[in-house]
Amino acid sequence: MADMNLTPNTSEVAQMSALRIKYDCGLGENGRTIVKTRSFSNVNPEAKAIDVYNVGEILNDLQKHDVLSVVRIDNTELTPAN
């Protein structure tokens, strides 16, 4: 990627977000917790945090494993002004 000097008037454009849920899938042979992750892409960047969390909770109800975390990953494209 080219080295860019960002100016104070750099524009920010929200891109699609993602939802990532981590599950506790029990203990492995070595006694460590087995963690599995499910990711869901194309989450509307304008969706409210509580709405994304509620969707995560609904998806959790469909799983047999306990949830460790629900994470929203936001992406923003930065463009330097011309």
C-alpha atoms as a PDB file:
ATOM      1  CA  MET A   1       0.000   0.000   0.000  1.00  0.00           C
ATOM      2  CA  ALA A   2       1.297   3.440  -0.868  1.00  0.00           C
ATOM      3  CA  ASP A   3       2.443   5.693   1.950  1.00  0.00           C
ATOM      4  CA  MET A   4      -0.257   8.345   2.329  1.00  0.00           C
ATOM      5  CA  ASN A   5      -0.144  11.414   4.510  1.00  0.00           C
ATOM      6  CA  LEU A   6      -3.691  11.836   5.744  1.00  0.00           C
ATOM      7  CA  THR A   7      -4.887  15.399   6.112  1.00  0.00           C
ATOM      8  CA  PRO A   8      -7.410  16.686   8.652  1.00  0.00           C
ATOM      9  CA  ASN A   9     -10.107  16.654   5.956  1.00  0.00           C
ATOM     10  CA  THR A  10      -9.685  12.979   5.158  1.00  0.00           C
ATOM     11  CA  SER A  11     -13.030  11.409   4.378  1.00  0.00           C
ATOM     12  CA  GLU A  12     -14.366   8.343   6.145  1.00  0.00           C
ATOM     13  CA  VAL A  13     -16.869   6.000   4.512  1.00  0.00           C
ATOM     14  CA  ALA A  14     -18.429   3.223   6.569  1.00  0.00           C
ATOM     15  CA  GLN A  15     -18.177  -0.173   4.896  1.00  0.00           C
ATOM     16  CA  MET A  16     -20.135  -3.321   5.697  1.00  0.00           C
ATOM     17  CA  SER A  17     -19.584  -4.661   9.202  1.00  0.00           C
ATOM     18  CA  ALA A  18     -19.366  -8.225  10.473  1.00  0.00           C
ATOM     19  CA  LEU A  19     -20.651 -10.147  13.479  1.00  0.00           C
ATOM     20  CA  ARG A  20     -18.346 -12.670  15.162  1.00  0.00           C
ATOM     21  CA  ILE A  21     -19.514 -15.061  17.886  1.00  0.00           C
ATOM     22  CA  LYS A  22     -17.082 -17.219  19.894  1.00  0.00           C
ATOM     23  CA  TYR A  23     -18.300 -20.450  21.494  1.00  0.00           C
ATOM     24  CA  ASP A  24     -16.970 -22.575  24.346  1.00  0.00           C
ATOM     25  CA  CYS A  25     -16.936 -26.106  22.921  1.00  0.00           C
ATOM     26  CA  GLY A  26     -15.639 -27.885  26.029  1.00  0.00           C
ATOM     27  CA  LEU A  27     -12.199 -29.036  27.027  1.00  0.00           C
ATOM     28  CA  GLY A  28      -9.674 -30.635  24.714  1.00  0.00           C
ATOM     29  CA  GLU A  29      -7.403 -33.534  25.573  1.00  0.00           C
ATOM     30  CA  ASN A  30      -4.812 -31.091  26.865  1.00  0.00           C
ATOM     31  CA  GLY A  31      -7.309 -29.513  29.299  1.00  0.00           C
ATOM     32  CA  ARG A  32      -7.602 -26.287  27.332  1.00  0.00           C
ATOM     33  CA  THR A  33     -10.920 -24.774  26.295  1.00  0.00           C
ATOM     34  CA  ILE A  34     -11.867 -25.434  22.681  1.00  0.00           C
ATOM     35  CA  VAL A  35     -13.058 -22.161  21.137  1.00  0.00           C
ATOM     36  CA  LYS A  36     -14.911 -22.099  17.838  1.00  0.00           C
ATOM     37  CA  THR A  37     -15.882 -18.954  15.975  1.00  0.00           C
ATOM     38  CA  ARG A  38     -18.794 -18.214  13.671  1.00  0.00           C
ATOM     39  CA  SER A  39     -18.666 -15.092  11.510  1.00  0.00           C
ATOM     40  CA  PHE A  40     -21.488 -13.364   9.684  1.00  0.00           C
ATOM     41  CA  SER A  41     -20.585 -10.756   7.074  1.00  0.00           C
ATOM     42  CA  ASN A  42     -22.472  -7.957   5.341  1.00  0.00           C
ATOM     43  CA  VAL A  43     -23.912  -6.415   8.503  1.00  0.00           C
ATOM     44  CA  ASN A  44     -25.328  -2.982   7.710  1.00  0.00           C
ATOM     45  CA  PRO A  45     -22.885  -0.398   9.120  1.00  0.00           C
ATOM     46  CA  GLU A  46     -25.848   1.781  10.134  1.00  0.00           C
ATOM     47  CA  ALA A  47     -27.398  -0.955  12.282  1.00  0.00           C
ATOM     48  CA  LYS A  48     -27.568  -0.052  15.961  1.00  0.00           C
ATOM     49  CA  ALA A  49     -25.304  -1.971  18.327  1.00  0.00           C
ATOM     50  CA  ILE A  50     -28.260  -3.292  20.328  1.00  0.00           C
ATOM     51  CA  ASP A  51     -29.879  -4.648  17.156  1.00  0.00           C
ATOM     52  CA  VAL A  52     -26.685  -6.460  16.119  1.00  0.00           C
ATOM     53  CA  TYR A  53     -26.359  -7.856  19.639  1.00  0.00           C
ATOM     54  CA  ASN A  54     -29.986  -9.032  19.604  1.00  0.00           C
ATOM     55  CA  VAL A  55     -29.374 -10.891  16.334  1.00  0.00           C
ATOM     56  CA  GLY A  56     -26.338 -12.499  17.977  1.00  0.00           C
ATOM     57  CA  GLU A  57     -28.537 -13.573  20.910  1.00  0.00           C
ATOM     58  CA  ILE A  58     -31.104 -15.103  18.545  1.00  0.00           C
ATOM     59  CA  LEU A  59     -28.348 -17.021  16.758  1.00  0.00           C
ATOM     60  CA  ASN A  60     -27.011 -18.161  20.142  1.00  0.00           C
ATOM     61  CA  ASP A  61     -30.365 -19.726  20.950  1.00  0.00           C
ATOM     62  CA  LEU A  62     -29.834 -22.016  17.960  1.00  0.00           C
ATOM     63  CA  GLN A  63     -26.454 -23.261  19.222  1.00  0.00           C
ATOM     64  CA  LYS A  64     -25.729 -25.985  21.755  1.00  0.00           C
ATOM     65  CA  HIS A  65     -22.492 -24.417  23.039  1.00  0.00           C
ATOM     66  CA  ASP A  66     -22.090 -21.569  25.504  1.00  0.00           C
ATOM     67  CA  VAL A  67     -21.192 -18.151  24.108  1.00  0.00           C
ATOM     68  CA  LEU A  68     -17.872 -16.587  25.099  1.00  0.00           C
ATOM     69  CA  SER A  69     -18.270 -13.315  23.208  1.00  0.00           C
ATOM     70  CA  VAL A  70     -20.308 -11.411  20.637  1.00  0.00           C
ATOM     71  CA  VAL A  71     -18.225  -8.941  18.609  1.00  0.00           C
ATOM     72  CA  ARG A  72     -19.162  -6.414  15.961  1.00  0.00           C
ATOM     73  CA  ILE A  73     -16.354  -5.583  13.556  1.00  0.00           C
ATOM     74  CA  ASP A  74     -16.724  -2.237  11.796  1.00  0.00           C
ATOM     75  CA  ASN A  75     -14.761  -1.310   8.690  1.00  0.00           C
ATOM     76  CA  THR A  76     -14.140   2.231   7.520  1.00  0.00           C
ATOM     77  CA  GLU A  77     -12.518   3.290   4.268  1.00  0.00           C
ATOM     78  CA  LEU A  78     -10.257   6.314   4.676  1.00  0.00           C
ATOM     79  CA  THR A  79      -9.647   8.505   1.654  1.00  0.00           C
ATOM     80  CA  PRO A  80      -7.296  11.495   1.641  1.00  0.00           C
ATOM     81  CA  ALA A  81      -8.729  14.740   0.314  1.00  0.00           C
ATOM     82  CA  ASN A  82      -7.437  15.924  -3.051  1.00  0.00           C
END
